Amino acid sequence: MTLHARPSPAGTGVAQRFAAPLPKESVSRAAAPMVQMWKAPSKVPWMANGKWDAFMKGGKTAYMVAQDLKLAAGKVVGAGNNAPTVAPQSWNRLKGWKLTHTKGPPGYVRMHMLSDRMGGAGNTTTNLAPGTNGMNQRHFHRMEKPLINALDAGGEINSYKVYARYQIGNGGLVTAKGKTAWQDTLSHIRCRAVYRPKAGAAKVNLNRNINETAKISGKKNWKGH
């Protein structure tokens, strides 16, 4: 079973296809600073426009940026083919310790930095990080769902950034392996978006800090690691 525990929506939303990546030369010659984007490895036909990229530091995803996300005419958000298929750093260890969703508390999943509903890839570790299913649900309902609703209403996500922050210290765990795995899991993410809630609407800001569940290193299957 693929362990990703996609957040459960309250309703159906909308999304679109991604533009081709910006060539390096166009980035270097741009008048204003720009980020080189790459298209989602799995095309999502409900997305008509948009570009995104994600960046690594120390073997872990550090942040994701996306721009100009807009829905294809007459389309709604689909299931896509972007469920996680690769293992972020320490994922296999968490899985072996039965700390992942469906196996045991605290129920880690591979969280998308850019939602698969909006075309975010599941086949690259640059877009995935271990966080609990509870954190993933909070991310969806507090940040992603308003953006999906905006796309559904004909709006546009002008810019969207997610910054990943990881656990520090040892979380009260005793072994070097435990410390390494602990520090490869999310402590919180900072989400920043500028978007139009519907077609023709003025741009608004949506800023959310999504925290991991407190005291999770004391959960049953973490003990002893």
Protein backbone atom coordinates (compact mmCIF):
# COMPACT_ATOMS: atom_id res chain seq x y z
CA MET A 1 0.00 0.00 0.00
CA THR A 2 1.27 3.47 -0.83
CA LEU A 3 1.44 5.46 2.38
CA HIS A 4 0.50 9.04 1.64
CA ALA A 5 -2.94 9.50 3.24
CA ARG A 6 -4.17 12.16 0.91
CA PRO A 7 -6.21 14.74 2.85
CA SER A 8 -9.95 14.27 2.55
CA PRO A 9 -11.67 17.27 0.93
CA ALA A 10 -15.01 18.55 2.09
CA GLY A 11 -15.97 18.99 -1.57
CA THR A 12 -14.57 18.92 -5.10
CA GLY A 13 -12.20 21.62 -6.33
CA VAL A 14 -10.37 22.57 -9.55
CA ALA A 15 -6.84 22.79 -11.17
CA GLN A 16 -4.67 22.87 -14.48
CA ARG A 17 -1.78 21.96 -16.87
CA PHE A 18 1.75 23.29 -16.37
CA ALA A 19 3.83 25.41 -18.72
CA ALA A 20 7.17 24.25 -20.06
CA PRO A 21 10.23 25.00 -17.91
CA LEU A 22 11.89 28.36 -18.32
CA PRO A 23 15.15 28.03 -20.29
CA LYS A 24 18.27 28.97 -18.32
CA GLU A 25 19.14 31.78 -20.70
CA SER A 26 15.75 33.44 -20.25
CA VAL A 27 16.25 33.36 -16.50
CA SER A 28 19.70 34.92 -16.64
CA ARG A 29 18.54 37.71 -18.96
CA ALA A 30 15.36 38.52 -17.05
CA ALA A 31 15.05 42.13 -15.90
CA ALA A 32 13.64 41.07 -12.53
CA PRO A 33 14.89 38.12 -10.45
CA MET A 34 13.12 34.92 -11.45
CA VAL A 35 13.20 31.32 -10.39
CA GLN A 36 13.77 28.63 -12.98
CA MET A 37 10.70 26.40 -12.99
CA TRP A 38 10.24 22.86 -14.20
CA LYS A 39 7.01 21.26 -15.28
CA ALA A 40 5.43 18.55 -13.18
CA PRO A 41 6.80 15.12 -14.18
CA SER A 42 3.20 13.86 -14.30
CA LYS A 43 1.01 16.06 -16.49
CA VAL A 44 -2.31 16.95 -14.94
CA PRO A 45 -4.84 17.77 -17.67
CA TRP A 46 -7.08 19.83 -15.42
CA MET A 47 -4.35 22.50 -15.02
CA ALA A 48 -4.15 24.97 -17.88
CA ASN A 49 -1.23 27.06 -16.72
CA GLY A 50 1.45 27.47 -14.10
CA LYS A 51 5.04 26.69 -13.22
CA TRP A 52 6.75 25.48 -10.09
CA ASP A 53 9.98 24.22 -8.58
CA ALA A 54 11.24 22.90 -5.26
CA PHE A 55 14.69 23.01 -3.73
CA MET A 56 16.74 20.76 -1.45
CA LYS A 57 19.15 21.44 1.42
CA GLY A 58 21.00 18.75 3.33
CA GLY A 59 19.17 16.01 1.44
CA LYS A 60 15.73 17.36 2.41
CA THR A 61 13.24 19.59 0.64
CA ALA A 62 13.76 23.19 1.80
CA TYR A 63 11.09 25.15 -0.03
CA MET A 64 8.67 25.12 -2.94
CA VAL A 65 7.67 28.01 -5.21
CA ALA A 66 4.82 28.12 -7.72
CA GLN A 67 3.45 30.85 -9.96
CA ASP A 68 0.43 31.58 -12.15
CA LEU A 69 -1.59 28.45 -11.38
CA LYS A 70 -4.88 28.48 -13.25
CA LEU A 71 -7.53 25.93 -14.13
CA ALA A 72 -8.30 24.66 -17.60
CA ALA A 73 -11.69 25.78 -18.90
CA GLY A 74 -14.48 23.45 -17.79
CA LYS A 75 -12.17 21.29 -15.67
CA VAL A 76 -12.25 20.36 -12.00
CA VAL A 77 -9.58 18.98 -9.71
CA GLY A 78 -8.86 15.35 -10.53
CA ALA A 79 -7.16 12.56 -8.67
CA GLY A 80 -4.03 12.80 -10.80
CA ASN A 81 -1.16 10.37 -10.86
CA ASN A 82 1.02 12.14 -8.35
CA ALA A 83 0.77 9.99 -5.22
CA PRO A 84 4.17 9.57 -3.49
CA THR A 85 6.29 6.90 -5.13
CA VAL A 86 9.73 7.78 -3.71
CA ALA A 87 11.16 7.85 -0.18
CA PRO A 88 12.27 11.12 1.43
CA GLN A 89 15.27 10.96 3.74
CA SER A 90 14.67 8.53 6.68
CA TRP A 91 11.24 7.50 5.32
CA ASN A 92 12.14 3.81 5.12
CA ARG A 93 13.42 3.90 8.71
CA LEU A 94 10.17 5.51 9.92
CA LYS A 95 8.25 2.87 8.00
CA GLY A 96 10.34 0.05 9.49
CA TRP A 97 9.69 1.39 12.99
CA LYS A 98 5.91 1.35 12.27
CA LEU A 99 5.64 5.12 12.63
CA THR A 100 3.81 5.67 9.34
CA HIS A 101 0.12 6.09 8.61
CA THR A 102 -1.82 2.78 8.91
CA LYS A 103 1.13 1.19 10.78
CA GLY A 104 1.21 3.09 14.07
CA PRO A 105 1.44 6.41 15.91
CA PRO A 106 2.23 9.16 15.21
CA GLY A 107 1.27 8.19 11.64
CA TYR A 108 3.76 9.85 9.29
CA VAL A 109 2.89 10.42 5.64
CA ARG A 110 4.87 11.83 2.73
CA MET A 111 3.53 15.36 2.52
CA HIS A 112 3.47 17.20 -0.80
CA MET A 113 4.84 20.74 -0.62
CA LEU A 114 2.82 21.56 -3.76
CA SER A 115 -0.40 19.56 -3.60
CA ASP A 116 -0.84 16.78 -6.14
CA ARG A 117 -4.28 18.29 -6.74
CA MET A 118 -2.49 21.35 -8.13
CA GLY A 119 0.03 19.31 -10.10
CA GLY A 120 2.72 18.77 -7.48
CA ALA A 121 4.88 15.73 -8.17
CA GLY A 122 4.97 12.61 -6.05
CA ASN A 123 7.89 10.99 -7.85
CA THR A 124 10.60 13.34 -6.64
CA THR A 125 11.85 13.85 -3.08
CA THR A 126 12.17 17.58 -3.75
CA ASN A 127 8.39 17.87 -3.26
CA LEU A 128 7.96 15.45 -0.33
CA ALA A 129 8.72 15.53 3.39
CA PRO A 130 7.65 13.32 6.33
CA GLY A 131 4.95 14.87 8.51
CA THR A 132 2.12 13.26 10.45
CA ASN A 133 -1.27 12.65 8.89
CA GLY A 134 -2.68 15.20 11.35
CA MET A 135 -0.29 17.86 10.09
CA ASN A 136 -1.10 16.92 6.51
CA GLN A 137 -4.82 17.36 7.19
CA ARG A 138 -4.23 20.78 8.76
CA HIS A 139 -2.14 21.79 5.76
CA PHE A 140 -4.95 20.80 3.43
CA HIS A 141 -7.85 22.43 5.26
CA ARG A 142 -6.09 25.64 6.34
CA MET A 143 -4.01 26.36 3.22
CA GLU A 144 -4.63 24.14 0.22
CA LYS A 145 -8.42 24.00 0.28
CA PRO A 146 -8.91 27.81 0.02
CA LEU A 147 -6.56 27.85 -2.97
CA ILE A 148 -8.36 24.93 -4.62
CA ASN A 149 -11.68 26.69 -4.04
CA ALA A 150 -10.27 29.80 -5.70
CA LEU A 151 -9.27 27.80 -8.78
CA ASP A 152 -12.71 26.21 -8.81
CA ALA A 153 -14.26 29.70 -8.88
CA GLY A 154 -12.17 30.78 -11.87
CA GLY A 155 -9.50 32.51 -9.80
CA GLU A 156 -5.75 32.21 -10.04
CA ILE A 157 -2.85 31.54 -7.70
CA ASN A 158 -0.38 34.27 -8.59
CA SER A 159 2.37 33.10 -6.26
CA TYR A 160 2.64 30.32 -3.70
CA LYS A 161 5.56 29.36 -1.46
CA VAL A 162 5.99 26.67 1.16
CA TYR A 163 9.05 26.67 3.44
CA ALA A 164 9.86 23.43 5.27
CA ARG A 165 11.33 23.44 8.78
CA TYR A 166 12.52 20.28 10.51
CA GLN A 167 12.76 18.98 14.05
CA ILE A 168 15.92 19.90 15.98
CA GLY A 169 17.72 18.28 18.90
CA ASN A 170 16.94 14.65 19.61
CA GLY A 171 13.30 14.85 20.68
CA GLY A 172 14.13 12.89 23.81
CA LEU A 173 15.22 9.92 21.67
CA VAL A 174 18.28 7.97 22.68
CA THR A 175 20.05 6.55 19.61
CA ALA A 176 21.97 8.22 16.82
CA LYS A 177 19.64 6.59 14.30
CA GLY A 178 16.62 7.93 16.12
CA LYS A 179 18.10 11.41 16.23
CA THR A 180 18.78 11.33 12.49
CA ALA A 181 15.27 10.18 11.65
CA TRP A 182 13.72 12.70 14.08
CA GLN A 183 15.60 15.56 12.42
CA ASP A 184 14.36 14.44 8.99
CA THR A 185 10.71 14.97 9.99
CA LEU A 186 8.86 18.27 9.76
CA SER A 187 8.36 20.55 12.74
CA HIS A 188 6.33 23.13 10.78
CA ILE A 189 5.81 24.64 7.36
CA ARG A 190 5.35 28.31 6.46
CA CYS A 191 2.91 28.84 3.59
CA ARG A 192 2.57 32.13 1.70
CA ALA A 193 0.21 32.73 -1.22
CA VAL A 194 -1.12 35.64 -3.28
CA TYR A 195 -4.25 34.69 -5.22
CA ARG A 196 -7.53 35.83 -6.74
CA PRO A 197 -10.45 34.08 -4.97
CA LYS A 198 -12.54 34.16 -8.15
CA ALA A 199 -12.38 35.46 -11.71
CA GLY A 200 -11.94 39.24 -11.74
CA ALA A 201 -11.44 39.52 -7.98
CA ALA A 202 -8.69 41.57 -6.39
CA LYS A 203 -5.59 39.76 -5.18
CA VAL A 204 -5.52 38.69 -1.55
CA ASN A 205 -2.84 37.22 0.70
CA LEU A 206 -3.08 33.92 2.53
CA ASN A 207 -0.38 33.20 5.09
CA ARG A 208 -0.44 30.13 7.32
CA ASN A 209 2.05 28.46 9.64
CA ILE A 210 1.20 24.78 10.00
CA ASN A 211 2.73 23.12 13.06
CA GLU A 212 3.42 19.48 13.68
CA THR A 213 1.51 17.78 16.49
CA ALA A 214 3.19 18.42 19.85
CA LYS A 215 5.09 15.78 21.84
CA ILE A 216 5.00 13.18 19.08
CA SER A 217 8.41 11.74 20.00
CA GLY A 218 6.69 10.30 23.07
CA LYS A 219 4.33 8.22 20.94
CA LYS A 220 4.54 4.48 21.46
CA ASN A 221 6.62 3.45 18.45
CA TRP A 222 9.11 6.32 18.81
CA LYS A 223 10.08 5.16 22.29
CA GLY A 224 13.40 3.35 22.42
CA HIS A 225 14.77 4.89 19.21
